[in-house]
Protein backbone atom coordinates (compact mmCIF):
# COMPACT_ATOMS: atom_id res chain seq x y z
CA UNK A 1 16.24 8.37 1.87
CA UNK A 2 13.32 6.02 3.68
CA UNK A 3 13.56 2.54 2.61
CA UNK A 4 10.00 1.31 2.55
CA UNK A 5 8.99 -1.60 4.36
CA UNK A 6 6.07 -3.59 2.42
CA UNK A 7 3.53 -5.21 4.22
CA UNK A 8 0.97 -6.59 2.37
CA UNK A 9 -2.19 -9.02 4.07
CA UNK A 10 -3.92 -11.73 2.92
CA UNK A 11 -7.00 -11.85 4.84
CA UNK A 12 -9.25 -14.71 3.65
CA UNK A 13 -10.51 -17.83 5.82
CA UNK A 14 -12.40 -20.12 4.06
CA UNK A 15 -14.42 -19.14 1.18
CA UNK A 16 -16.14 -16.26 2.89
CA UNK A 17 -13.16 -13.19 3.60
CA UNK A 18 -12.93 -12.37 6.88
CA UNK A 19 -10.73 -9.93 8.07
CA UNK A 20 -9.36 -9.29 11.90
CA UNK A 21 -7.67 -6.16 13.08
CA UNK A 22 -4.18 -7.14 13.61
CA UNK A 23 -2.54 -3.73 14.66
CA UNK A 24 -2.86 -0.24 14.44
CA UNK A 25 -3.43 1.03 11.35
CA UNK A 26 -4.59 4.08 9.25
CA UNK A 27 -6.56 3.77 6.32
CA UNK A 28 -5.69 5.83 3.14
CA UNK A 29 -7.64 9.19 2.80
CA UNK A 30 -7.04 11.41 0.08
CA UNK A 31 -8.07 14.64 3.03
CA UNK A 32 -5.13 13.12 5.32
CA UNK A 33 -1.41 13.36 5.26
CA UNK A 34 1.06 11.70 7.06
CA UNK A 35 3.10 13.76 9.72
CA UNK A 36 6.38 12.78 11.87
CA UNK A 37 3.65 11.88 14.91
CA UNK A 38 2.49 9.29 12.89
CA UNK A 39 5.71 7.53 12.77
CA UNK A 40 5.47 5.31 16.12
CA UNK A 41 7.93 2.77 15.22
CA UNK A 42 11.21 2.29 16.62
CA UNK A 43 14.34 3.13 14.86
CA UNK A 44 16.43 -0.25 14.67
CA UNK A 45 19.86 -0.27 16.06
CA UNK A 46 21.92 -0.48 12.69
CA UNK A 47 19.26 1.53 10.89
CA UNK A 48 20.98 3.24 7.80
CA UNK A 49 17.74 5.30 6.30
CA UNK A 50 16.36 7.87 7.64
CA UNK A 51 12.37 6.63 7.80
CA UNK A 52 10.32 3.39 6.89
CA UNK A 53 7.05 3.84 6.00
CA UNK A 54 5.43 0.34 6.50
CA UNK A 55 1.79 0.45 4.13
CA UNK A 56 0.28 -2.10 2.28
CA UNK A 57 -2.69 -3.51 0.82
CA UNK A 58 -5.46 -5.63 2.53
CA UNK A 59 -8.60 -7.20 1.64
CA UNK A 60 -11.91 -8.95 2.40
CA UNK A 61 -14.23 -10.29 0.11
CA UNK A 62 -17.56 -13.13 0.20
CA UNK A 63 -18.48 -14.70 -2.73
CA UNK A 64 -22.11 -16.82 -4.16
CA UNK A 65 -22.23 -18.94 -6.49
CA UNK A 66 -26.13 -17.72 -8.36
CA UNK A 67 -27.24 -19.35 -11.52
CA UNK A 68 -24.24 -20.78 -11.98
CA UNK A 69 -21.95 -17.33 -11.64
CA UNK A 70 -20.16 -16.11 -9.40
CA UNK A 71 -21.37 -12.83 -7.75
CA UNK A 72 -17.92 -11.31 -5.40
CA UNK A 73 -18.60 -8.70 -2.97
CA UNK A 74 -15.40 -7.10 -1.91
CA UNK A 75 -13.35 -4.42 -0.11
CA UNK A 76 -9.57 -3.59 -0.85
CA UNK A 77 -7.65 -0.72 1.22
CA UNK A 78 -4.45 0.61 1.33
CA UNK A 79 -2.96 1.15 5.33
CA UNK A 80 -0.45 2.56 6.96
CA UNK A 81 1.33 0.93 9.83
CA UNK A 82 2.26 3.54 12.69
CA UNK A 83 4.05 0.90 15.16
CA UNK A 84 6.34 -0.55 12.20
CA UNK A 85 6.86 3.19 10.83
CA UNK A 86 9.85 4.52 12.16
CA UNK A 87 12.10 8.34 11.69
CA UNK A 88 15.03 9.99 12.28
CA UNK A 89 14.12 13.22 13.88
CA UNK A 90 17.69 14.37 13.41
CA UNK A 91 17.75 13.91 9.47
CA UNK A 92 14.05 14.01 8.53
CA UNK A 93 12.71 17.09 6.80
CA UNK A 94 9.90 18.11 4.71
CA UNK A 95 11.35 16.36 1.56
CA UNK A 96 11.88 13.14 3.50
CA UNK A 97 7.66 13.17 4.62
CA UNK A 98 6.53 13.85 1.06
CA UNK A 99 9.12 10.85 0.41
CA UNK A 100 7.75 8.34 2.78
CA UNK A 101 4.00 10.15 2.32
CA UNK A 102 4.09 8.50 -1.76
CA UNK A 103 5.17 5.48 -0.58
CA UNK A 104 1.62 5.47 1.40
CA UNK A 105 0.10 6.93 -1.61
CA UNK A 106 1.26 4.12 -3.98
CA UNK A 107 -0.03 1.39 -1.86
CA UNK A 108 -3.38 3.22 -2.50
CA UNK A 109 -2.69 3.58 -6.44
CA UNK A 110 -2.54 -0.26 -6.44
CA UNK A 111 -4.95 -0.78 -4.02
CA UNK A 112 -7.49 0.91 -6.93
CA UNK A 113 -5.85 -1.17 -9.46
CA UNK A 114 -6.68 -4.70 -7.51
CA UNK A 115 -10.02 -3.33 -6.71
CA UNK A 116 -10.23 -2.58 -11.02
CA UNK A 117 -9.31 -6.29 -11.68
CA UNK A 118 -11.96 -7.83 -9.69
CA UNK A 119 -14.52 -5.63 -10.84
CA UNK A 120 -13.19 -6.69 -14.27
CA UNK A 121 -12.66 -10.86 -13.31
CA UNK A 122 -15.26 -13.59 -14.23
CA UNK A 123 -14.55 -15.83 -10.95
CA UNK A 124 -15.04 -19.67 -11.20
CA UNK A 125 -15.85 -21.47 -8.51
CA UNK A 126 -12.27 -21.44 -7.48
CA UNK A 127 -12.63 -17.80 -6.59
CA UNK A 128 -10.49 -18.13 -3.57
CA UNK A 129 -7.09 -18.78 -5.85
CA UNK A 130 -8.04 -16.79 -8.46
CA UNK A 131 -8.03 -13.80 -5.67
CA UNK A 132 -5.41 -14.60 -3.89
CA UNK A 133 -3.21 -15.02 -7.79
CA UNK A 134 -4.40 -11.23 -8.35
CA UNK A 135 -3.96 -10.30 -4.88
CA UNK A 136 0.16 -11.64 -5.24
CA UNK A 137 0.42 -9.93 -8.74
CA UNK A 138 -0.65 -6.65 -7.63
CA UNK A 139 1.70 -7.01 -4.69
CA UNK A 140 4.65 -8.13 -6.81
CA UNK A 141 3.58 -4.80 -9.16
CA UNK A 142 3.58 -2.81 -5.96
CA UNK A 143 6.88 -3.66 -4.67
CA UNK A 144 8.82 -3.21 -8.41
CA UNK A 145 7.05 0.02 -8.46
CA UNK A 146 8.54 1.23 -5.24
CA UNK A 147 11.91 0.18 -5.54
CA UNK A 148 11.53 1.87 -8.80
CA UNK A 149 10.53 5.13 -7.28
CA UNK A 150 12.69 4.84 -4.21
CA UNK A 151 15.79 4.38 -7.27
CA UNK A 152 14.80 7.17 -9.16
CA UNK A 153 14.35 9.83 -6.32
CA UNK A 154 17.77 8.18 -4.69
CA UNK A 155 15.55 7.68 -1.52
CA UNK A 156 14.83 11.75 -1.40
CA UNK A 157 17.78 12.89 -2.28
CA UNK A 158 17.08 13.97 -5.68
CA UNK A 159 15.02 16.82 -4.64
CA UNK A 160 13.88 17.19 -8.88
CA UNK A 161 13.23 13.73 -9.35
CA UNK A 162 11.03 13.59 -6.12
CA UNK A 163 8.89 16.77 -7.10
CA UNK A 164 8.35 14.79 -10.46
CA UNK A 165 7.30 11.71 -8.88
CA UNK A 166 5.19 13.96 -6.22
CA UNK A 167 3.28 15.30 -9.64
CA UNK A 168 3.12 12.02 -11.22
CA UNK A 169 1.60 10.50 -8.05
CA UNK A 170 -0.97 13.18 -7.48
CA UNK A 171 -2.39 12.95 -11.26
CA UNK A 172 -3.05 9.27 -10.65
CA UNK A 173 -4.75 9.49 -7.61
CA UNK A 174 -6.67 12.36 -9.06
CA UNK A 175 -7.36 10.08 -12.26
CA UNK A 176 -8.15 6.45 -10.56
């Protein structure tokens, strides 16, 4: 029932990456599950979905060239954005909340995928462009995966599929 909003921030300024806090955000944490009180955004007037989760991936990095090799120090995180996330209390239930939580969890899976890709990549002196390319690839994969999730679960309306996805994503988070 919830249409996801994909928010990804590219936080790199110059060769050394610096991030800035653009809005209230919640860092993904395996011990913190979303509750409806986390959804603080205003419901758009013509909104059809029951809820919307705004989540995404951000990163920052610094790179040093040492003996003709790029040494990369980076941080990649998944965030939930409360002020961009909303729900309709009169139609939302625990199944819809689990659906919205999974959108956030899926963002974390793709943050892990980006971390892994950055760790395995040998960078040239064009590190900024190379990281940007990896980020864009990950965001495209994340968007496609989120859309598949919504399609297969019919936005949480297909309870059987929703429970299958809940298990699938929980297992993936445990593996990574």
